[in-house]
Amino acid sequence: MAKTILVLMAGASLTSWYLIVTKSMSGAAARRRSEKFLKFFWNAPSIEVVGRELDGKSPDNAFAHLAQQGIIAAQHHERHAAHRLNEAGTPTEFLTRALRRTIDEETSDMESGLTVLASIGATAPFVGLLGTVWGIYHALLAISRSGSGTLDKVAGPVGEALIMTAIGLAVAIPAVLGYNFIVRSNRITLARLDGFAHDLFTFLVTGAKVGSTEPPAAPRRARATQDA
């Protein structure tokens, strides 16, 4: 039993540290790529320039993915909404659904693996406690066999019990701390992503950046009519 618990704790520890390191590294890399994209996005002269830059590419961060899906949704509704009943409705409603769906996808991706990390943090102390109880049980058996509670009879099982308690805490504490750190980082990223979605929505609907004093660009259909 003690060896089984030790193997379980070792596996849980390796899993939790793997998730903590990989999620932290991928999150840091995604933040760097996001900052680079946001700098490009807000310095772009028009949404068409952003669309051409993202066209045919696989976005490497949540903000680029959101911008790409928003532009695709706006263009798709403009071209096909009048011919399909399931896409009927105002462009703003269609765009809102597309942006919300993309945010939900990014949220699901960010939260992958966190359930395992939370489970390890919550259950590791109790698994260690099981090892503690098992060690005390063996100590009591040793006392009952010998008829005396001398140190040489109980030292081994009690020491085993204390080690199991320490191992359970050593596995649980990093898992809980890592989980809290990653959740907080994801919460900040998602709050920024939600704010960017509002700005992107305004940009796509009006053709002007938020806070811009320049007049919005003429709609595509209006420009096509003027050119004709």
Foldseek 3Di string as FASTA:
>chain_A
DLVVLVVVLVVLLVLLVVCLVVLVVLLVVQVVLVVVVVVVVVPDPFLVVLQVVLPPDDDSHLLNQLSNQLVVQLVCCVVPQVPDPVNDDDSLVSSVVSNVVSLVVVLVVLCPPLVSLVVLLVCLQVSLQVQLVVLVVQLVVQCVVVVHNDCVSNVVSNVRSVVSNVSSCVRNVSSVVSSVVSVVSVVVVSVVSVVSSVQSSCCSVQVDGVPDPDHHDDDPVVVVVVVD
